[in-house]
Protein backbone atom coordinates (compact mmCIF):
# COMPACT_ATOMS: atom_id res chain seq x y z
CA MET A 1 -46.87 54.29 85.58
CA SER A 2 -44.40 52.78 87.98
CA ASP A 3 -40.74 52.97 87.49
CA LEU A 4 -38.90 49.82 86.78
CA PHE A 5 -36.53 50.56 89.65
CA ASP A 6 -39.42 50.82 92.17
CA LEU A 7 -40.27 47.16 91.76
CA PRO A 8 -38.82 44.82 94.35
CA PHE A 9 -36.37 42.22 93.25
CA GLU A 10 -38.59 39.51 94.65
CA GLU A 11 -41.35 40.43 92.24
CA ASP A 12 -39.27 39.60 89.15
CA GLU A 13 -40.58 36.97 86.79
CA PRO A 14 -40.07 33.50 88.10
CA GLU A 15 -37.12 31.60 86.72
CA PRO A 16 -39.11 28.84 85.09
CA GLU A 17 -40.85 31.33 82.90
CA LEU A 18 -37.50 32.33 81.37
CA GLU A 19 -36.97 28.88 79.86
CA PRO A 20 -38.74 29.69 76.57
CA ALA A 21 -36.14 32.41 75.92
CA ALA A 22 -33.49 29.71 75.52
CA ALA A 23 -35.36 28.18 72.56
CA PRO A 24 -33.39 30.10 69.86
CA VAL A 25 -30.18 28.59 71.20
CA ALA A 26 -31.60 25.10 70.84
CA SER A 27 -32.70 25.75 67.18
CA ARG A 28 -29.39 27.14 65.87
CA ARG A 29 -28.02 25.62 62.61
CA ILE A 30 -24.42 24.46 62.58
CA LEU A 31 -22.78 24.26 59.09
CA THR A 32 -19.82 22.20 58.04
CA VAL A 33 -16.91 23.85 56.28
CA THR A 34 -18.01 22.23 53.04
CA ASP A 35 -21.57 23.45 53.39
CA LEU A 36 -20.38 26.95 54.12
CA THR A 37 -18.01 26.88 51.17
CA ILE A 38 -20.80 25.68 48.88
CA LYS A 39 -23.07 28.50 50.03
CA ILE A 40 -20.32 31.03 49.43
CA ARG A 41 -19.68 29.56 46.00
CA ASP A 42 -23.34 29.64 45.05
CA ARG A 43 -23.65 33.25 46.23
CA LEU A 44 -20.54 34.36 44.34
CA GLU A 45 -21.53 32.55 41.16
CA SER A 46 -25.01 34.06 41.25
CA ASP A 47 -23.87 37.62 42.07
CA PHE A 48 -20.77 37.59 39.83
CA PHE A 49 -22.07 35.44 36.97
CA GLU A 50 -20.21 37.44 34.32
CA VAL A 51 -17.46 39.92 35.11
CA TRP A 52 -14.75 41.61 33.08
CA VAL A 53 -11.45 41.95 34.95
CA GLU A 54 -8.33 43.74 33.78
CA GLY A 55 -4.92 42.77 35.07
CA GLU A 56 -1.48 41.33 34.41
CA LEU A 57 -0.91 37.60 33.92
CA SER A 58 1.59 35.77 36.10
CA ASN A 59 2.32 32.15 37.04
CA CYS A 60 0.79 30.96 33.74
CA LYS A 61 0.99 27.20 33.40
CA ILE A 62 -0.79 24.67 31.22
CA TRP A 63 -1.09 21.35 33.02
CA ASN A 64 -0.99 17.95 31.38
CA THR A 65 -4.78 17.99 31.35
CA GLY A 66 -4.68 20.95 28.95
CA HIS A 67 -6.24 23.43 31.41
CA LEU A 68 -4.65 26.83 32.07
CA PHE A 69 -3.90 28.06 35.60
CA PHE A 70 -2.79 31.67 36.15
CA THR A 71 -2.83 34.64 38.51
CA LEU A 72 -4.38 37.95 37.51
CA LYS A 73 -2.92 40.87 39.43
CA ASP A 74 -2.54 44.63 39.56
CA SER A 75 -0.40 46.88 41.74
CA ALA A 76 -2.32 46.09 44.96
CA SER A 77 -4.23 42.79 44.63
CA GLN A 78 -4.36 39.49 42.83
CA ILE A 79 -6.85 36.75 42.07
CA ARG A 80 -6.29 33.22 40.90
CA GLY A 81 -7.68 32.23 37.55
CA PHE A 82 -8.57 29.04 35.72
CA MET A 83 -9.44 28.35 32.08
CA PHE A 84 -10.73 25.06 30.68
CA ARG A 85 -9.01 23.42 27.74
CA SER A 86 -12.18 23.73 25.63
CA SER A 87 -12.05 27.55 25.98
CA LEU A 88 -8.26 27.79 25.71
CA ARG A 89 -8.21 26.24 22.24
CA TYR A 90 -10.18 29.17 20.81
CA LEU A 91 -7.58 31.79 21.82
CA LYS A 92 -5.62 33.25 18.94
CA PHE A 93 -2.60 34.05 21.13
CA LYS A 94 -0.63 32.22 23.79
CA PRO A 95 -1.06 33.53 27.38
CA ALA A 96 2.30 34.43 28.93
CA ASP A 97 3.58 36.04 32.14
CA GLY A 98 3.67 39.84 32.11
CA LEU A 99 0.94 40.19 29.47
CA ARG A 100 -1.86 42.62 30.35
CA VAL A 101 -5.24 41.16 29.44
CA VAL A 102 -8.94 41.59 29.95
CA ALA A 103 -10.57 38.42 31.25
CA ARG A 104 -14.24 37.52 31.04
CA GLY A 105 -15.67 34.89 33.33
CA LYS A 106 -17.48 34.16 36.58
CA ILE A 107 -16.31 34.21 40.19
CA SER A 108 -16.32 30.81 41.88
CA VAL A 109 -14.70 29.03 44.82
CA TYR A 110 -12.11 26.28 44.74
CA GLU A 111 -13.65 24.15 47.51
CA PRO A 112 -10.63 22.05 48.62
CA LYS A 113 -8.70 25.21 49.58
CA GLY A 114 -11.56 27.64 50.12
CA GLU A 115 -10.05 30.10 47.64
CA TYR A 116 -12.14 32.22 45.36
CA GLN A 117 -11.06 32.43 41.73
CA ILE A 118 -12.22 33.56 38.35
CA VAL A 119 -13.24 30.82 35.92
CA CYS A 120 -12.22 32.49 32.70
CA GLU A 121 -14.13 31.92 29.46
CA HIS A 122 -12.34 34.46 27.29
CA LEU A 123 -9.05 36.38 27.27
CA GLU A 124 -8.04 39.24 25.08
CA PRO A 125 -4.86 41.28 25.22
CA GLN A 126 -5.19 44.87 26.36
CA GLY A 127 -4.23 47.46 23.78
CA LEU A 128 -2.91 45.03 21.06
CA GLY A 129 -5.36 42.87 19.13
CA ALA A 130 -5.40 39.14 19.87
CA LEU A 131 -4.71 38.15 16.26
CA GLN A 132 -1.79 40.55 15.94
CA LEU A 133 -0.35 39.32 19.23
CA ALA A 134 -0.68 35.69 18.16
CA PHE A 135 0.94 36.57 14.84
CA ASP A 136 3.89 38.25 16.55
CA GLN A 137 4.34 35.41 19.06
CA LEU A 138 4.36 32.68 16.43
CA LYS A 139 6.60 34.68 14.12
CA LYS A 140 9.13 35.23 16.89
CA ARG A 141 9.13 31.56 17.90
CA LEU A 142 9.47 30.18 14.36
CA HIS A 143 12.18 32.71 13.56
CA ALA A 144 14.12 31.53 16.61
CA GLU A 145 13.86 27.95 15.33
CA GLY A 146 15.38 28.98 11.98
CA LEU A 147 12.34 28.32 9.80
CA PHE A 148 12.69 31.75 8.17
CA GLU A 149 16.39 31.36 7.33
CA ALA A 150 17.32 31.83 3.68
CA ALA A 151 19.78 28.94 3.90
CA ARG A 152 16.95 26.40 4.21
CA LYS A 153 14.98 27.82 1.28
CA ARG A 154 15.09 25.65 -1.83
CA GLY A 155 15.28 26.77 -5.42
CA LEU A 156 12.39 26.16 -7.79
CA PRO A 157 12.73 23.45 -10.47
CA ALA A 158 13.64 24.76 -13.89
CA LEU A 159 11.23 22.52 -15.81
CA PRO A 160 8.43 21.34 -13.50
CA LYS A 161 6.49 18.49 -15.09
CA LYS A 162 3.89 18.08 -12.33
CA ILE A 163 2.66 21.09 -10.31
CA GLY A 164 0.64 20.62 -7.11
CA ILE A 165 -1.97 23.13 -5.93
CA VAL A 166 -3.55 23.27 -2.46
CA THR A 167 -6.46 25.72 -2.31
CA SER A 168 -10.24 25.95 -2.39
CA LEU A 169 -12.15 24.95 -5.51
CA ASP A 170 -14.71 27.69 -4.92
CA GLY A 171 -12.40 30.70 -5.03
CA ALA A 172 -11.02 32.71 -7.93
CA ALA A 173 -7.43 31.76 -7.01
CA ILE A 174 -7.64 28.29 -8.56
CA ARG A 175 -9.07 29.67 -11.80
CA ASP A 176 -6.33 32.31 -12.06
CA ILE A 177 -3.56 29.76 -11.44
CA ILE A 178 -4.90 27.27 -13.99
CA LYS A 179 -5.39 30.01 -16.58
CA VAL A 180 -1.77 31.19 -16.30
CA LEU A 181 -0.30 27.66 -16.28
CA ARG A 182 -2.32 26.58 -19.33
CA ARG A 183 -1.14 29.65 -21.20
CA ARG A 184 2.52 29.64 -20.15
CA SER A 185 3.22 25.91 -19.70
CA PRO A 186 0.57 23.80 -21.49
CA ASN A 187 2.60 20.59 -21.14
CA ALA A 188 2.77 20.72 -17.35
CA GLN A 189 0.52 18.37 -15.41
CA ILE A 190 -1.59 19.95 -12.64
CA VAL A 191 -2.55 18.09 -9.47
CA ILE A 192 -5.15 19.81 -7.25
CA ARG A 193 -5.83 18.91 -3.64
CA PRO A 194 -8.97 20.79 -2.49
CA ALA A 195 -8.84 22.32 1.00
CA ARG A 196 -10.80 24.77 3.09
CA VAL A 197 -8.95 28.08 3.36
CA GLN A 198 -11.21 29.93 5.77
CA GLY A 199 -13.08 29.19 8.98
CA GLU A 200 -12.79 26.67 11.80
CA GLY A 201 -10.57 23.70 10.95
CA ALA A 202 -9.19 25.27 7.75
CA ALA A 203 -5.60 25.20 9.02
CA LEU A 204 -5.74 21.45 9.69
CA ASP A 205 -7.29 20.85 6.27
CA ILE A 206 -4.51 22.85 4.56
CA ALA A 207 -1.83 20.92 6.47
CA ARG A 208 -3.45 17.60 5.49
CA GLY A 209 -3.63 18.78 1.89
CA LEU A 210 0.10 19.59 1.82
CA ARG A 211 0.99 16.18 3.23
CA ALA A 212 -1.34 14.42 0.81
CA ILE A 213 -0.18 16.17 -2.35
CA THR A 214 3.50 15.52 -1.64
CA ARG A 215 2.74 11.79 -1.55
CA VAL A 216 1.73 11.99 -5.22
CA ARG A 217 4.56 10.56 -7.30
CA GLY A 218 6.41 13.10 -9.46
CA VAL A 219 5.18 16.40 -7.93
CA ASP A 220 8.00 18.95 -8.44
CA VAL A 221 6.59 22.08 -6.77
CA VAL A 222 3.50 23.00 -4.71
CA ILE A 223 1.47 26.23 -4.72
CA VAL A 224 -0.58 26.88 -1.56
CA GLY A 225 -2.73 29.95 -1.12
CA ARG A 226 -6.02 31.76 -1.60
CA GLY A 227 -7.41 35.13 -2.65
CA GLY A 228 -7.45 38.30 -0.57
CA GLY A 229 -9.50 39.07 2.52
CA SER A 230 -9.38 40.38 6.06
CA ILE A 231 -6.88 39.18 8.63
CA GLU A 232 -9.57 36.89 10.02
CA ASP A 233 -10.19 35.39 6.57
CA LEU A 234 -6.46 34.78 6.04
CA TRP A 235 -5.81 33.55 9.57
CA ALA A 236 -5.60 29.87 8.60
CA PHE A 237 -2.24 30.64 6.95
CA ASN A 238 -0.98 32.14 10.23
CA GLU A 239 -1.49 28.89 12.16
CA GLU A 240 1.51 26.92 13.37
CA VAL A 241 0.26 23.64 11.91
CA VAL A 242 0.34 25.15 8.39
CA ALA A 243 3.81 26.60 8.94
CA ARG A 244 5.12 23.19 10.12
CA ALA A 245 3.53 21.43 7.14
CA ILE A 246 5.20 23.86 4.70
CA ALA A 247 8.58 23.48 6.43
CA ASN A 248 8.35 19.67 6.32
CA CYS A 249 7.27 19.56 2.68
CA PRO A 250 9.87 17.56 0.66
CA VAL A 251 9.44 19.73 -2.48
CA PRO A 252 9.63 23.53 -2.87
CA VAL A 253 6.52 25.42 -1.77
CA ILE A 254 5.25 28.76 -3.12
CA SER A 255 2.98 30.73 -0.79
CA ALA A 256 0.36 32.84 -2.60
CA VAL A 257 -1.96 34.26 0.06
CA GLY A 258 -4.14 37.33 -0.43
CA HIS A 259 -2.98 40.46 -2.20
CA GLU A 260 0.46 41.99 -2.45
CA THR A 261 0.05 43.90 0.84
CA ASP A 262 -1.04 40.81 2.82
CA THR A 263 1.70 38.97 4.70
CA THR A 264 1.24 35.69 6.58
CA ILE A 265 3.42 33.25 8.50
CA ALA A 266 3.17 30.91 5.50
CA ASP A 267 4.93 33.56 3.38
CA PHE A 268 7.92 33.59 5.74
CA VAL A 269 8.24 29.77 5.91
CA ALA A 270 7.66 29.01 2.22
CA ASP A 271 10.56 28.66 -0.18
CA ARG A 272 9.12 31.47 -2.31
CA ARG A 273 6.46 34.12 -1.70
CA ALA A 274 4.14 35.29 -4.43
CA PRO A 275 2.05 38.47 -4.01
CA THR A 276 -1.00 36.86 -5.67
CA PRO A 277 -2.04 33.38 -6.89
CA SER A 278 -1.59 34.50 -10.50
CA ALA A 279 1.92 35.69 -9.68
CA ALA A 280 2.65 32.28 -8.15
CA ALA A 281 1.81 30.60 -11.46
CA GLU A 282 4.01 33.13 -13.27
CA ILE A 283 6.90 32.38 -10.87
CA VAL A 284 6.60 28.62 -11.52
CA VAL A 285 6.95 29.04 -15.29
CA ALA A 286 9.44 31.93 -14.99
CA ALA A 287 12.15 29.44 -14.15
CA LYS A 288 11.30 27.63 -17.39
CA ASP A 289 11.55 30.88 -19.38
CA GLU A 290 14.87 31.65 -17.72
CA PHE A 291 16.13 28.16 -18.50
CA ILE A 292 15.09 28.45 -22.14
CA GLY A 293 16.70 31.90 -22.33
CA ARG A 294 19.97 30.51 -21.01
CA ILE A 295 19.84 27.72 -23.61
CA ASP A 296 19.25 30.25 -26.40
CA ALA A 297 22.14 32.41 -25.17
CA LEU A 298 24.48 29.40 -24.99
CA GLN A 299 23.38 28.33 -28.48
CA LYS A 300 24.21 31.78 -29.88
CA ARG A 301 27.59 31.77 -28.15
CA LEU A 302 28.35 28.29 -29.52
CA ARG A 303 27.43 29.29 -33.07
CA ALA A 304 29.54 32.46 -32.86
CA SER A 305 32.51 30.51 -31.47
CA ALA A 306 32.22 27.84 -34.20
CA ARG A 307 31.96 30.51 -36.89
CA ALA A 308 35.04 32.34 -35.60
CA ARG A 309 36.99 29.09 -35.35
CA THR A 310 36.05 28.13 -38.90
CA GLN A 311 37.12 31.49 -40.21
CA THR A 312 40.49 31.30 -38.41
CA ILE A 313 41.22 27.82 -39.79
CA GLY A 314 40.14 28.94 -43.27
CA ARG A 315 42.59 31.86 -43.18
CA ARG A 316 45.42 29.61 -42.03
CA LEU A 317 44.62 27.12 -44.82
CA HIS A 318 44.59 29.86 -47.43
CA ALA A 319 47.97 31.12 -46.19
CA LEU A 320 49.42 27.63 -46.56
CA GLU A 321 47.95 27.14 -50.03
CA VAL A 322 49.64 30.23 -51.47
CA ARG A 323 53.12 29.09 -50.41
CA PRO A 324 55.37 27.79 -53.28
CA ALA A 325 56.17 24.55 -51.47
CA PHE A 326 52.55 23.56 -51.54
CA ALA A 327 51.93 24.43 -55.22
CA GLY A 328 51.60 20.75 -56.35
CA VAL A 329 49.90 19.51 -53.24
CA PRO A 330 46.33 19.63 -54.63
CA ALA A 331 47.34 17.53 -57.67
CA ARG A 332 49.14 15.02 -55.49
CA VAL A 333 46.22 14.88 -53.15
CA ALA A 334 43.89 14.30 -56.11
CA MET A 335 46.16 11.48 -57.39
CA ARG A 336 46.28 9.91 -53.97
CA GLY A 337 42.53 10.17 -53.79
CA ARG A 338 42.16 8.34 -57.09
CA GLN A 339 44.49 5.60 -55.93
CA ALA A 340 42.60 5.34 -52.69
CA SER A 341 39.34 4.96 -54.62
CA GLU A 342 40.78 2.22 -56.85
CA LEU A 343 42.20 0.39 -53.86
CA THR A 344 38.91 0.72 -52.08
CA PHE A 345 37.06 -0.76 -55.09
CA ALA A 346 39.55 -3.63 -55.41
CA LEU A 347 39.38 -4.33 -51.69
CA ALA A 348 35.60 -4.38 -51.81
CA HIS A 349 35.68 -6.82 -54.78
CA VAL A 350 38.07 -9.14 -52.96
CA MET A 351 36.02 -8.98 -49.82
CA ARG A 352 32.83 -9.81 -51.73
CA SER A 353 34.53 -12.75 -53.43
CA ARG A 354 35.86 -14.09 -50.15
CA LEU A 355 32.49 -13.66 -48.51
CA ALA A 356 30.73 -15.52 -51.38
CA LEU A 357 33.24 -18.39 -51.08
CA ARG A 358 32.75 -18.57 -47.35
CA GLU A 359 28.97 -18.54 -47.80
CA ARG A 360 29.15 -21.50 -50.24
CA ARG A 361 31.38 -23.37 -47.83
CA LEU A 362 29.01 -22.60 -45.01
CA GLY A 363 26.09 -23.93 -47.04
CA GLN A 364 27.92 -27.22 -47.68
CA ILE A 365 28.75 -27.63 -44.02
CA ARG A 366 25.14 -26.86 -43.10
CA ARG A 367 23.84 -29.53 -45.48
CA GLN A 368 26.34 -32.06 -44.08
CA LEU A 369 25.23 -31.21 -40.59
CA GLU A 370 21.60 -31.61 -41.61
CA THR A 371 22.33 -35.19 -42.74
CA LEU A 372 23.83 -35.87 -39.33
CA ASP A 373 21.05 -34.14 -37.54
CA LEU A 374 20.03 -36.21 -34.54
CA GLY A 375 16.42 -35.17 -34.93
CA ARG A 376 16.21 -36.49 -38.45
CA ARG A 377 18.02 -39.69 -37.53
CA LEU A 378 15.64 -40.23 -34.64
CA ALA A 379 12.70 -39.68 -37.01
CA GLY A 380 14.01 -42.42 -39.35
CA ILE A 381 14.61 -44.76 -36.43
CA ARG A 382 11.11 -44.02 -35.17
CA THR A 383 9.67 -44.87 -38.62
CA ARG A 384 11.54 -48.19 -38.71
CA LEU A 385 10.43 -48.98 -35.20
CA VAL A 386 6.81 -48.34 -36.14
CA SER A 387 7.13 -50.61 -39.20
CA ALA A 388 8.83 -53.37 -37.17
CA ASP A 389 6.17 -53.05 -34.48
CA GLY A 390 3.46 -53.57 -37.13
CA ARG A 391 5.18 -56.64 -38.54
CA LEU A 392 5.77 -58.05 -35.05
CA SER A 393 2.14 -57.53 -34.11
CA GLY A 394 1.00 -59.36 -37.28
CA ALA A 395 3.38 -62.27 -36.65
CA ILE A 396 2.22 -62.58 -33.06
CA ALA A 397 -1.43 -62.58 -34.16
CA ARG A 398 -0.80 -65.29 -36.77
CA ARG A 399 1.19 -67.36 -34.30
CA ARG A 400 -1.60 -67.09 -31.75
CA HIS A 401 -4.21 -68.20 -34.33
CA ARG A 402 -2.15 -71.26 -35.26
CA ALA A 403 -1.60 -72.17 -31.61
CA ASP A 404 -5.31 -71.74 -30.94
CA ALA A 405 -6.21 -74.03 -33.83
CA GLN A 406 -3.72 -76.66 -32.64
CA LEU A 407 -5.13 -76.41 -29.11
CA ARG A 408 -8.70 -76.95 -30.32
CA ASP A 409 -7.61 -79.95 -32.44
CA SER A 410 -5.73 -81.53 -29.52
CA ALA A 411 -8.72 -80.95 -27.25
CA ALA A 412 -11.02 -82.67 -29.73
CA ARG A 413 -8.69 -85.67 -30.02
CA LEU A 414 -8.29 -85.81 -26.27
CA ALA A 415 -12.05 -85.68 -25.82
CA SER A 416 -12.50 -88.59 -28.23
CA LEU A 417 -10.03 -90.70 -26.22
CA SER A 418 -11.34 -89.68 -22.82
CA PRO A 419 -12.83 -92.41 -20.56
CA LEU A 420 -15.58 -90.03 -19.73
CA ALA A 421 -16.75 -90.26 -23.32
CA VAL A 422 -16.91 -94.05 -23.02
CA LEU A 423 -18.85 -93.71 -19.81
CA GLY A 424 -21.23 -91.37 -21.58
CA ARG A 425 -22.12 -94.19 -24.00
CA GLY A 426 -23.42 -96.33 -21.12
CA TYR A 427 -20.32 -98.06 -19.83
CA ALA A 428 -19.15 -98.05 -16.19
CA VAL A 429 -15.89 -98.57 -14.26
CA ALA A 430 -15.78 -100.86 -11.21
CA TRP A 431 -13.37 -100.16 -8.37
CA ASN A 432 -12.53 -101.86 -5.15
CA ASP A 433 -13.90 -100.28 -2.01
CA ASP A 434 -10.91 -97.98 -1.43
CA ARG A 435 -10.63 -97.05 -5.12
CA THR A 436 -7.08 -98.29 -5.44
CA ARG A 437 -7.70 -100.87 -8.14
CA VAL A 438 -9.92 -101.19 -11.21
CA LEU A 439 -11.85 -104.45 -11.36
CA ARG A 440 -11.53 -106.14 -14.76
CA ASP A 441 -12.40 -109.68 -13.77
CA ALA A 442 -15.21 -111.06 -11.57
CA SER A 443 -12.72 -113.41 -9.96
CA GLN A 444 -11.07 -110.47 -8.32
CA THR A 445 -14.05 -110.22 -5.95
CA ILE A 446 -15.81 -112.52 -3.55
CA VAL A 447 -19.41 -112.56 -2.44
CA GLY A 448 -19.93 -109.89 0.18
CA ASP A 449 -17.20 -107.53 -1.11
CA ARG A 450 -18.08 -103.88 -1.42
CA ILE A 451 -17.18 -102.23 -4.66
CA ARG A 452 -17.61 -98.79 -6.23
CA VAL A 453 -19.04 -98.26 -9.71
CA THR A 454 -18.31 -95.01 -11.53
CA LEU A 455 -20.91 -93.93 -14.06
CA ALA A 456 -20.95 -91.07 -16.52
CA LYS A 457 -22.74 -89.08 -13.87
CA GLY A 458 -22.20 -90.08 -10.27
CA GLU A 459 -20.90 -93.19 -8.44
CA LEU A 460 -22.55 -96.31 -6.93
CA LYS A 461 -21.51 -98.21 -3.80
CA CYS A 462 -22.46 -101.89 -4.29
CA GLU A 463 -22.13 -105.25 -2.54
CA VAL A 464 -21.34 -108.46 -4.44
CA GLN A 465 -24.08 -111.07 -3.82
CA THR A 466 -23.26 -113.55 -6.56
CA LYS A 467 -20.61 -113.73 -9.21
CA SER A 468 -19.99 -115.76 -12.33
CA THR A 469 -16.79 -116.10 -14.26
CA ASN A 470 -18.57 -117.56 -17.38
CA THR A 471 -19.49 -115.01 -19.94
CA GLU A 472 -22.49 -116.89 -21.03
CA ASP A 473 -23.71 -117.44 -17.50
CA THR A 474 -23.21 -113.88 -16.89
CA ASP A 475 -25.41 -112.97 -19.75
CA LYS A 476 -27.99 -115.56 -18.73
CA ASP A 477 -28.01 -114.75 -15.09
CA GLY A 478 -27.53 -111.14 -15.67
CA GLY A 479 -23.90 -111.03 -14.59
CA THR A 480 -22.73 -110.31 -11.14
CA ARG A 481 -25.50 -109.47 -8.80
CA LEU A 482 -24.98 -106.34 -6.96
CA HIS A 483 -26.88 -104.94 -4.07
């Protein structure tokens, strides 16, 4: 075997044969920054799909989109974090700077800046439970606003006529409240607004129930609560929306949540806290019992005062009666009483007599006024008008009949004297051609004249051919010949 160094330099592989070695350089893959970032993101999300990270929150900020941005850090390192609004709404506490938490999520990359971050799906406080932390945070904030101050708490009505109840219809709390109210205050009217008191959305339903029941006219006080349970079961009464609804309620509110050892935010905001729902009903009617007790005490004091006053006046009267100066006073008082009775009787007799006289006078005046009553006078005038109208109508009818008879008689006489009647018997009237003159004599025409002859029906235009002035010739020759 020859040594590599024994070979001459001229016997090395020819240069052209080295060209295939450059092929890997020609096939290299060049990535863009975006492509590289996407590959890194995919690798991180696949390798760190679900991680639990412990650290301290800082730079917490909720943007106007509702998403939470924060930094999770320890003594040596930090990582940016992000939480969607849909996951943030399920947290029972409010994330704040300086709070140590355990975050669950996946590692991803924010592509525009090339920064890796944890997309958080769940947060829980380290050491202290999430519910207890949320309770303490809300309690501190509402206390700072003054919602727990005793000065803003209102007193319960002494005699509530209409009592509102906001609770579930399925629990034992509603039955206990109704049982106590029916026994202690049977005349009170009960208005129930059903609401969910446990589970998702229960807080909003309770807040809506409080707003709805206060819109009922005449509600004097409202009881809101439920029976006992775990802190998770009672958590709806630790929500801020319920606390705000109780604070804004226009009538006093009694909080009756759980058992005597359970305490909620609603208990601190309400005007009165009851350890149990049954105790809440007892508190409502206790004011009535106290009011009635005060009335009874005042009544006893009034009776005792009146009795003492009567006794004092009686003793003073007895002391005056035994004095010598007042020995004849009872007799004089009796005499004066008799005189007063007689005067009263006489006055009553005189008054009755005067009243009877005035009543008779009033009756006379009323009868005189009735005779002058305009209504009655108008009725008489109306009767006379009706009678006169009847007579006038009869006279007009008779006058029309007489005029009609006279008209028919005159028409008959006129018809008998009418020339048309004469013409109807066969006679005729001869006129000159222009109808300006009636021809009564044949001498008024000459042969060849045109004349008009009016008959009973129609008119003739004729021409005179011959004429005769002799009556006999006329009869013989047939009169004037016309054509």
